[in-house]
Amino acid sequence: IGELIWGTVIVTAFALTDALDGTMARMRGGSSKFGAL
């Protein structure tokens, strides 16, 4: 809808969870096959 700054900030913040969930999986001993899928 044209709110580029807010859109970029929100997308970037939540995109960082891609690193967070992987880190959590490694701390638990590795990702499951379903988790990877």
PDB file of all heavy atoms in Angstrom:
ATOM      1  N   ILE A   1       0.815  -1.215   0.000  1.00  0.00           N
ATOM      2  CA  ILE A   1       0.000   0.000   0.000  1.00  0.00           C
ATOM      3  C   ILE A   1       0.850   1.268   0.000  1.00  0.00           C
ATOM      4  O   ILE A   1       0.324   2.371   0.139  1.00  0.00           O
ATOM      5  CB  ILE A   1      -0.970   0.016   1.202  1.00  0.00           C
ATOM      6  CG1 ILE A   1      -0.202   0.053   2.524  1.00  0.00           C
ATOM      7  CG2 ILE A   1      -1.917  -1.174   1.140  1.00  0.00           C
ATOM      8  CD1 ILE A   1      -1.111   0.181   3.752  1.00  0.00           C
ATOM      9  N   GLY A   2       2.166   1.109  -0.153  1.00  0.00           N
ATOM     10  CA  GLY A   2       3.029   2.275  -0.291  1.00  0.00           C
ATOM     11  C   GLY A   2       3.734   2.721   0.961  1.00  0.00           C
ATOM     12  O   GLY A   2       4.503   3.689   0.913  1.00  0.00           O
ATOM     13  N   GLU A   3       3.521   2.049   2.081  1.00  0.00           N
ATOM     14  CA  GLU A   3       4.222   2.393   3.322  1.00  0.00           C
ATOM     15  C   GLU A   3       5.562   1.657   3.324  1.00  0.00           C
ATOM     16  O   GLU A   3       5.765   0.686   4.060  1.00  0.00           O
ATOM     17  CB  GLU A   3       3.368   2.000   4.536  1.00  0.00           C
ATOM     18  CG  GLU A   3       2.056   2.750   4.654  1.00  0.00           C
ATOM     19  CD  GLU A   3       2.263   4.223   5.018  1.00  0.00           C
ATOM     20  OE1 GLU A   3       3.352   4.569   5.530  1.00  0.00           O
ATOM     21  OE2 GLU A   3       1.338   5.029   4.789  1.00  0.00           O
ATOM     22  N   LEU A   4       6.477   2.137   2.491  1.00  0.00           N
ATOM     23  CA  LEU A   4       7.702   1.383   2.245  1.00  0.00           C
ATOM     24  C   LEU A   4       8.596   1.293   3.470  1.00  0.00           C
ATOM     25  O   LEU A   4       9.220   0.256   3.716  1.00  0.00           O
ATOM     26  CB  LEU A   4       8.474   2.021   1.082  1.00  0.00           C
ATOM     27  CG  LEU A   4       7.769   2.005  -0.278  1.00  0.00           C
ATOM     28  CD1 LEU A   4       8.679   2.593  -1.343  1.00  0.00           C
ATOM     29  CD2 LEU A   4       7.353   0.591  -0.665  1.00  0.00           C
ATOM     30  N   ILE A   5       8.696   2.370   4.232  1.00  0.00           N
ATOM     31  CA  ILE A   5       9.575   2.342   5.401  1.00  0.00           C
ATOM     32  C   ILE A   5       9.052   1.359   6.438  1.00  0.00           C
ATOM     33  O   ILE A   5       9.797   0.503   6.948  1.00  0.00           O
ATOM     34  CB  ILE A   5       9.737   3.746   6.000  1.00  0.00           C
ATOM     35  CG1 ILE A   5      10.451   4.661   4.993  1.00  0.00           C
ATOM     36  CG2 ILE A   5      10.521   3.689   7.309  1.00  0.00           C
ATOM     37  CD1 ILE A   5      10.604   6.092   5.465  1.00  0.00           C
ATOM     38  N   TRP A   6       7.761   1.480   6.772  1.00  0.00           N
ATOM     39  CA  TRP A   6       7.192   0.553   7.748  1.00  0.00           C
ATOM     40  C   TRP A   6       7.239  -0.877   7.227  1.00  0.00           C
ATOM     41  O   TRP A   6       7.548  -1.813   7.984  1.00  0.00           O
ATOM     42  CB  TRP A   6       5.747   0.948   8.067  1.00  0.00           C
ATOM     43  CG  TRP A   6       5.640   2.013   9.105  1.00  0.00           C
ATOM     44  CD1 TRP A   6       5.236   3.308   8.929  1.00  0.00           C
ATOM     45  CD2 TRP A   6       5.961   1.882  10.494  1.00  0.00           C
ATOM     46  NE1 TRP A   6       5.286   4.000  10.117  1.00  0.00           N
ATOM     47  CE2 TRP A   6       5.727   3.152  11.098  1.00  0.00           C
ATOM     48  CE3 TRP A   6       6.429   0.836  11.287  1.00  0.00           C
ATOM     49  CZ2 TRP A   6       5.933   3.374  12.453  1.00  0.00           C
ATOM     50  CZ3 TRP A   6       6.654   1.067  12.640  1.00  0.00           C
ATOM     51  CH2 TRP A   6       6.393   2.317  13.203  1.00  0.00           C
ATOM     52  N   GLY A   7       6.931  -1.051   5.953  1.00  0.00           N
ATOM     53  CA  GLY A   7       6.974  -2.388   5.382  1.00  0.00           C
ATOM     54  C   GLY A   7       8.358  -3.004   5.467  1.00  0.00           C
ATOM     55  O   GLY A   7       8.515  -4.166   5.839  1.00  0.00           O
ATOM     56  N   THR A   8       9.379  -2.197   5.151  1.00  0.00           N
ATOM     57  CA  THR A   8      10.759  -2.696   5.195  1.00  0.00           C
ATOM     58  C   THR A   8      11.171  -3.051   6.611  1.00  0.00           C
ATOM     59  O   THR A   8      11.789  -4.099   6.857  1.00  0.00           O
ATOM     60  CB  THR A   8      11.724  -1.647   4.624  1.00  0.00           C
ATOM     61  OG1 THR A   8      11.378  -1.378   3.261  1.00  0.00           O
ATOM     62  CG2 THR A   8      13.160  -2.131   4.696  1.00  0.00           C
ATOM     63  N   VAL A   9      10.827  -2.191   7.559  1.00  0.00           N
ATOM     64  CA  VAL A   9      11.208  -2.437   8.954  1.00  0.00           C
ATOM     65  C   VAL A   9      10.554  -3.717   9.484  1.00  0.00           C
ATOM     66  O   VAL A   9      11.206  -4.563  10.114  1.00  0.00           O
ATOM     67  CB  VAL A   9      10.831  -1.235   9.837  1.00  0.00           C
ATOM     68  CG1 VAL A   9      10.996  -1.574  11.320  1.00  0.00           C
ATOM     69  CG2 VAL A   9      11.684  -0.019   9.473  1.00  0.00           C
ATOM     70  N   ILE A  10       9.263  -3.868   9.213  1.00  0.00           N
ATOM     71  CA  ILE A  10       8.533  -5.035   9.721  1.00  0.00           C
ATOM     72  C   ILE A  10       9.036  -6.314   9.065  1.00  0.00           C
ATOM     73  O   ILE A  10       9.286  -7.327   9.740  1.00  0.00           O
ATOM     74  CB  ILE A  10       7.014  -4.856   9.501  1.00  0.00           C
ATOM     75  CG1 ILE A  10       6.491  -3.685  10.334  1.00  0.00           C
ATOM     76  CG2 ILE A  10       6.270  -6.147   9.868  1.00  0.00           C
ATOM     77  CD1 ILE A  10       5.059  -3.311  10.034  1.00  0.00           C
ATOM     78  N   VAL A  11       9.202  -6.288   7.734  1.00  0.00           N
ATOM     79  CA  VAL A  11       9.668  -7.481   7.030  1.00  0.00           C
ATOM     80  C   VAL A  11      11.061  -7.870   7.514  1.00  0.00           C
ATOM     81  O   VAL A  11      11.344  -9.050   7.775  1.00  0.00           O
ATOM     82  CB  VAL A  11       9.670  -7.249   5.507  1.00  0.00           C
ATOM     83  CG1 VAL A  11      10.452  -8.347   4.790  1.00  0.00           C
ATOM     84  CG2 VAL A  11       8.246  -7.204   4.979  1.00  0.00           C
ATOM     85  N   THR A  12      11.945  -6.871   7.651  1.00  0.00           N
ATOM     86  CA  THR A  12      13.314  -7.172   8.098  1.00  0.00           C
ATOM     87  C   THR A  12      13.318  -7.772   9.494  1.00  0.00           C
ATOM     88  O   THR A  12      14.020  -8.746   9.773  1.00  0.00           O
ATOM     89  CB  THR A  12      14.169  -5.898   8.077  1.00  0.00           C
ATOM     90  OG1 THR A  12      14.196  -5.365   6.743  1.00  0.00           O
ATOM     91  CG2 THR A  12      15.596  -6.199   8.523  1.00  0.00           C
ATOM     92  N   ALA A  13      12.528  -7.190  10.394  1.00  0.00           N
ATOM     93  CA  ALA A  13      12.489  -7.675  11.773  1.00  0.00           C
ATOM     94  C   ALA A  13      12.032  -9.125  11.840  1.00  0.00           C
ATOM     95  O   ALA A  13      12.628  -9.955  12.542  1.00  0.00           O
ATOM     96  CB  ALA A  13      11.566  -6.791  12.609  1.00  0.00           C
ATOM     97  N   PHE A  14      10.982  -9.442  11.092  1.00  0.00           N
ATOM     98  CA  PHE A  14      10.456 -10.809  11.159  1.00  0.00           C
ATOM     99  C   PHE A  14      11.273 -11.775  10.302  1.00  0.00           C
ATOM    100  O   PHE A  14      11.283 -12.979  10.578  1.00  0.00           O
ATOM    101  CB  PHE A  14       8.988 -10.831  10.746  1.00  0.00           C
ATOM    102  CG  PHE A  14       8.060 -10.392  11.844  1.00  0.00           C
ATOM    103  CD1 PHE A  14       7.600  -9.093  11.906  1.00  0.00           C
ATOM    104  CD2 PHE A  14       7.666 -11.281  12.832  1.00  0.00           C
ATOM    105  CE1 PHE A  14       6.760  -8.674  12.921  1.00  0.00           C
ATOM    106  CE2 PHE A  14       6.821 -10.882  13.855  1.00  0.00           C
ATOM    107  CZ  PHE A  14       6.365  -9.572  13.908  1.00  0.00           C
ATOM    108  N   ALA A  15      11.956 -11.266   9.282  1.00  0.00           N
ATOM    109  CA  ALA A  15      12.813 -12.143   8.482  1.00  0.00           C
ATOM    110  C   ALA A  15      13.983 -12.657   9.303  1.00  0.00           C
ATOM    111  O   ALA A  15      14.525 -13.732   9.025  1.00  0.00           O
ATOM    112  CB  ALA A  15      13.315 -11.413   7.244  1.00  0.00           C
ATOM    113  N   LEU A  16      14.373 -11.901  10.328  1.00  0.00           N
ATOM    114  CA  LEU A  16      15.482 -12.329  11.177  1.00  0.00           C
ATOM    115  C   LEU A  16      15.148 -13.590  11.976  1.00  0.00           C
ATOM    116  O   LEU A  16      16.048 -14.245  12.499  1.00  0.00           O
ATOM    117  CB  LEU A  16      15.888 -11.210  12.136  1.00  0.00           C
ATOM    118  CG  LEU A  16      16.496  -9.968  11.472  1.00  0.00           C
ATOM    119  CD1 LEU A  16      16.833  -8.917  12.519  1.00  0.00           C
ATOM    120  CD2 LEU A  16      17.746 -10.332  10.669  1.00  0.00           C
ATOM    121  N   THR A  17      13.858 -13.917  12.071  1.00  0.00           N
ATOM    122  CA  THR A  17      13.488 -15.153  12.765  1.00  0.00           C
ATOM    123  C   THR A  17      13.998 -16.376  12.011  1.00  0.00           C
ATOM    124  O   THR A  17      14.042 -17.476  12.569  1.00  0.00           O
ATOM    125  CB  THR A  17      11.958 -15.262  12.923  1.00  0.00           C
ATOM    126  OG1 THR A  17      11.327 -15.246  11.627  1.00  0.00           O
ATOM    127  CG2 THR A  17      11.420 -14.111  13.755  1.00  0.00           C
ATOM    128  N   ASP A  18      14.397 -16.191  10.739  1.00  0.00           N
ATOM    129  CA  ASP A  18      14.977 -17.301   9.984  1.00  0.00           C
ATOM    130  C   ASP A  18      16.267 -17.776  10.638  1.00  0.00           C
ATOM    131  O   ASP A  18      16.596 -18.966  10.597  1.00  0.00           O
ATOM    132  CB  ASP A  18      15.241 -16.858   8.545  1.00  0.00           C
ATOM    133  CG  ASP A  18      15.565 -18.030   7.634  1.00  0.00           C
ATOM    134  OD1 ASP A  18      14.817 -19.027   7.679  1.00  0.00           O
ATOM    135  OD2 ASP A  18      16.569 -17.957   6.902  1.00  0.00           O
ATOM    136  N   ALA A  19      17.003 -16.822  11.232  1.00  0.00           N
ATOM    137  CA  ALA A  19      18.207 -17.192  11.985  1.00  0.00           C
ATOM    138  C   ALA A  19      17.846 -17.691  13.378  1.00  0.00           C
ATOM    139  O   ALA A  19      18.506 -18.578  13.924  1.00  0.00           O
ATOM    140  CB  ALA A  19      19.156 -16.004  12.089  1.00  0.00           C
ATOM    141  N   LEU A  20      16.773 -17.139  13.947  1.00  0.00           N
ATOM    142  CA  LEU A  20      16.382 -17.495  15.316  1.00  0.00           C
ATOM    143  C   LEU A  20      15.912 -18.937  15.409  1.00  0.00           C
ATOM    144  O   LEU A  20      16.346 -19.680  16.296  1.00  0.00           O
ATOM    145  CB  LEU A  20      15.286 -16.545  15.803  1.00  0.00           C
ATOM    146  CG  LEU A  20      14.740 -16.792  17.205  1.00  0.00           C
ATOM    147  CD1 LEU A  20      15.842 -16.686  18.241  1.00  0.00           C
ATOM    148  CD2 LEU A  20      13.612 -15.794  17.511  1.00  0.00           C
ATOM    149  N   ASP A  21      15.028 -19.355  14.503  1.00  0.00           N
ATOM    150  CA  ASP A  21      14.512 -20.724  14.605  1.00  0.00           C
ATOM    151  C   ASP A  21      15.604 -21.753  14.340  1.00  0.00           C
ATOM    152  O   ASP A  21      15.646 -22.821  14.959  1.00  0.00           O
ATOM    153  CB  ASP A  21      13.307 -20.944  13.683  1.00  0.00           C
ATOM    154  CG  ASP A  21      13.628 -20.671  12.218  1.00  0.00           C
ATOM    155  OD1 ASP A  21      14.799 -20.427  11.888  1.00  0.00           O
ATOM    156  OD2 ASP A  21      12.690 -20.695  11.399  1.00  0.00           O
ATOM    157  N   GLY A  22      16.531 -21.428  13.438  1.00  0.00           N
ATOM    158  CA  GLY A  22      17.644 -22.346  13.191  1.00  0.00           C
ATOM    159  C   GLY A  22      18.547 -22.482  14.401  1.00  0.00           C
ATOM    160  O   GLY A  22      19.007 -23.585  14.731  1.00  0.00           O
ATOM    161  N   THR A  23      18.797 -21.359  15.072  1.00  0.00           N
ATOM    162  CA  THR A  23      19.619 -21.394  16.283  1.00  0.00           C
ATOM    163  C   THR A  23      18.940 -22.209  17.379  1.00  0.00           C
ATOM    164  O   THR A  23      19.584 -23.010  18.070  1.00  0.00           O
ATOM    165  CB  THR A  23      19.880 -19.960  16.783  1.00  0.00           C
ATOM    166  OG1 THR A  23      20.549 -19.222  15.762  1.00  0.00           O
ATOM    167  CG2 THR A  23      20.734 -19.971  18.039  1.00  0.00           C
ATOM    168  N   MET A  24      17.638 -22.017  17.522  1.00  0.00           N
ATOM    169  CA  MET A  24      16.894 -22.780  18.527  1.00  0.00           C
ATOM    170  C   MET A  24      16.944 -24.275  18.237  1.00  0.00           C
ATOM    171  O   MET A  24      17.105 -25.095  19.146  1.00  0.00           O
ATOM    172  CB  MET A  24      15.437 -22.288  18.576  1.00  0.00           C
ATOM    173  CG  MET A  24      15.289 -20.871  19.112  1.00  0.00           C
ATOM    174  SD  MET A  24      13.584 -20.242  18.950  1.00  0.00           S
ATOM    175  CE  MET A  24      12.687 -21.364  20.051  1.00  0.00           C
ATOM    176  N   ALA A  25      16.819 -24.623  16.953  1.00  0.00           N
ATOM    177  CA  ALA A  25      16.864 -26.041  16.582  1.00  0.00           C
ATOM    178  C   ALA A  25      18.227 -26.648  16.908  1.00  0.00           C
ATOM    179  O   ALA A  25      18.307 -27.772  17.423  1.00  0.00           O
ATOM    180  CB  ALA A  25      16.541 -26.202  15.099  1.00  0.00           C
ATOM    181  N   ARG A  26      19.301 -25.908  16.620  1.00  0.00           N
ATOM    182  CA  ARG A  26      20.639 -26.428  16.926  1.00  0.00           C
ATOM    183  C   ARG A  26      20.840 -26.590  18.426  1.00  0.00           C
ATOM    184  O   ARG A  26      21.466 -27.550  18.880  1.00  0.00           O
ATOM    185  CB  ARG A  26      21.699 -25.494  16.340  1.00  0.00           C
ATOM    186  CG  ARG A  26      21.836 -25.584  14.831  1.00  0.00           C
ATOM    187  CD  ARG A  26      23.063 -24.845  14.344  1.00  0.00           C
ATOM    188  NE  ARG A  26      22.968 -23.417  14.592  1.00  0.00           N
ATOM    189  CZ  ARG A  26      22.399 -22.548  13.770  1.00  0.00           C
ATOM    190  NH1 ARG A  26      21.851 -22.967  12.638  1.00  0.00           N
ATOM    191  NH2 ARG A  26      22.370 -21.256  14.053  1.00  0.00           N
ATOM    192  N   MET A  27      20.305 -25.656  19.214  1.00  0.00           N
ATOM    193  CA  MET A  27      20.445 -25.756  20.656  1.00  0.00           C
ATOM    194  C   MET A  27      19.685 -26.955  21.212  1.00  0.00           C
ATOM    195  O   MET A  27      20.064 -27.500  22.258  1.00  0.00           O
ATOM    196  CB  MET A  27      19.944 -24.464  21.323  1.00  0.00           C
ATOM    197  CG  MET A  27      20.852 -23.276  21.110  1.00  0.00           C
ATOM    198  SD  MET A  27      20.191 -21.785  21.917  1.00  0.00           S
ATOM    199  CE  MET A  27      21.534 -20.621  21.606  1.00  0.00           C
ATOM    200  N   ARG A  28      18.644 -27.370  20.508  1.00  0.00           N
ATOM    201  CA  ARG A  28      17.873 -28.538  20.939  1.00  0.00           C
ATOM    202  C   ARG A  28      18.472 -29.847  20.428  1.00  0.00           C
ATOM    203  O   ARG A  28      17.958 -30.922  20.708  1.00  0.00           O
ATOM    204  CB  ARG A  28      16.430 -28.429  20.446  1.00  0.00           C
ATOM    205  CG  ARG A  28      15.628 -27.329  21.117  1.00  0.00           C
ATOM    206  CD  ARG A  28      14.206 -27.291  20.602  1.00  0.00           C
ATOM    207  NE  ARG A  28      13.497 -28.544  20.833  1.00  0.00           N
ATOM    208  CZ  ARG A  28      12.237 -28.769  20.451  1.00  0.00           C
ATOM    209  NH1 ARG A  28      11.557 -27.833  19.804  1.00  0.00           N
ATOM    210  NH2 ARG A  28      11.663 -29.915  20.706  1.00  0.00           N
ATOM    211  N   GLY A  29      19.537 -29.740  19.659  1.00  0.00           N
ATOM    212  CA  GLY A  29      20.186 -30.951  19.176  1.00  0.00           C
ATOM    213  C   GLY A  29      20.021 -31.209  17.703  1.00  0.00           C
ATOM    214  O   GLY A  29      20.345 -32.303  17.221  1.00  0.00           O
ATOM    215  N   GLY A  30      19.512 -30.241  16.961  1.00  0.00           N
ATOM    216  CA  GLY A  30      19.385 -30.411  15.518  1.00  0.00           C
ATOM    217  C   GLY A  30      17.943 -30.305  15.059  1.00  0.00           C
ATOM    218  O   GLY A  30      17.002 -30.596  15.812  1.00  0.00           O
ATOM    219  N   SER A  31      17.780 -29.883  13.808  1.00  0.00           N
ATOM    220  CA  SER A  31      16.442 -29.715  13.241  1.00  0.00           C
ATOM    221  C   SER A  31      15.857 -31.063  12.839  1.00  0.00           C
ATOM    222  O   SER A  31      16.565 -31.950  12.347  1.00  0.00           O
ATOM    223  CB  SER A  31      16.508 -28.783  12.024  1.00  0.00           C
ATOM    224  OG  SER A  31      15.252 -28.688  11.394  1.00  0.00           O
ATOM    225  N   SER A  32      14.551 -31.209  13.036  1.00  0.00           N
ATOM    226  CA  SER A  32      13.859 -32.407  12.568  1.00  0.00           C
ATOM    227  C   SER A  32      13.623 -32.288  11.066  1.00  0.00           C
ATOM    228  O   SER A  32      13.722 -31.208  10.483  1.00  0.00           O
ATOM    229  CB  SER A  32      12.523 -32.564  13.291  1.00  0.00           C
ATOM    230  OG  SER A  32      11.649 -31.490  12.943  1.00  0.00           O
ATOM    231  N   LYS A  33      13.298 -33.404  10.435  1.00  0.00           N
ATOM    232  CA  LYS A  33      13.014 -33.382   9.001  1.00  0.00           C
ATOM    233  C   LYS A  33      11.796 -32.512   8.704  1.00  0.00           C
ATOM    234  O   LYS A  33      11.784 -31.741   7.738  1.00  0.00           O
ATOM    235  CB  LYS A  33      12.800 -34.809   8.483  1.00  0.00           C
ATOM    236  CG  LYS A  33      14.062 -35.663   8.492  1.00  0.00           C
ATOM    237  CD  LYS A  33      13.803 -37.030   7.928  1.00  0.00           C
ATOM    238  CE  LYS A  33      15.084 -37.867   7.913  1.00  0.00           C
ATOM    239  NZ  LYS A  33      14.849 -39.225   7.370  1.00  0.00           N
ATOM    240  N   PHE A  34      10.774 -32.622   9.558  1.00  0.00           N
ATOM    241  CA  PHE A  34       9.595 -31.788   9.340  1.00  0.00           C
ATOM    242  C   PHE A  34       9.926 -30.320   9.574  1.00  0.00           C
ATOM    243  O   PHE A  34       9.434 -29.442   8.849  1.00  0.00           O
ATOM    244  CB  PHE A  34       8.447 -32.214  10.264  1.00  0.00           C
ATOM    245  CG  PHE A  34       7.259 -31.279  10.168  1.00  0.00           C
ATOM    246  CD1 PHE A  34       6.421 -31.334   9.065  1.00  0.00           C
ATOM    247  CD2 PHE A  34       7.001 -30.347  11.161  1.00  0.00           C
ATOM    248  CE1 PHE A  34       5.335 -30.465   8.961  1.00  0.00           C
ATOM    249  CE2 PHE A  34       5.917 -29.486  11.055  1.00  0.00           C
ATOM    250  CZ  PHE A  34       5.085 -29.544   9.960  1.00  0.00           C
ATOM    251  N   GLY A  35      10.756 -30.038  10.566  1.00  0.00           N
ATOM    252  CA  GLY A  35      11.141 -28.658  10.828  1.00  0.00           C
ATOM    253  C   GLY A  35      11.862 -28.052   9.641  1.00  0.00           C
ATOM    254  O   GLY A  35      11.628 -26.888   9.284  1.00  0.00           O
ATOM    255  N   ALA A  36      12.748 -28.833   9.014  1.00  0.00           N
ATOM    256  CA  ALA A  36      13.462 -28.349   7.832  1.00  0.00           C
ATOM    257  C   ALA A  36      12.499 -28.108   6.677  1.00  0.00           C
ATOM    258  O   ALA A  36      12.610 -27.108   5.951  1.00  0.00           O
ATOM    259  CB  ALA A  36      14.533 -29.350   7.428  1.00  0.00           C
ATOM    260  N   LEU A  37      11.537 -29.008   6.504  1.00  0.00           N
ATOM    261  CA  LEU A  37      10.538 -28.847   5.447  1.00  0.00           C
ATOM    262  C   LEU A  37       9.670 -27.616   5.710  1.00  0.00           C
ATOM    263  O   LEU A  37       9.399 -26.822   4.791  1.00  0.00           O
ATOM    264  CB  LEU A  37       9.657 -30.101   5.354  1.00  0.00           C
ATOM    265  CG  LEU A  37       8.476 -30.017   4.394  1.00  0.00           C
ATOM    266  CD1 LEU A  37       8.957 -29.830   2.962  1.00  0.00           C
ATOM    267  CD2 LEU A  37       7.609 -31.268   4.510  1.00  0.00           C
TER     268      LEU A  37
END
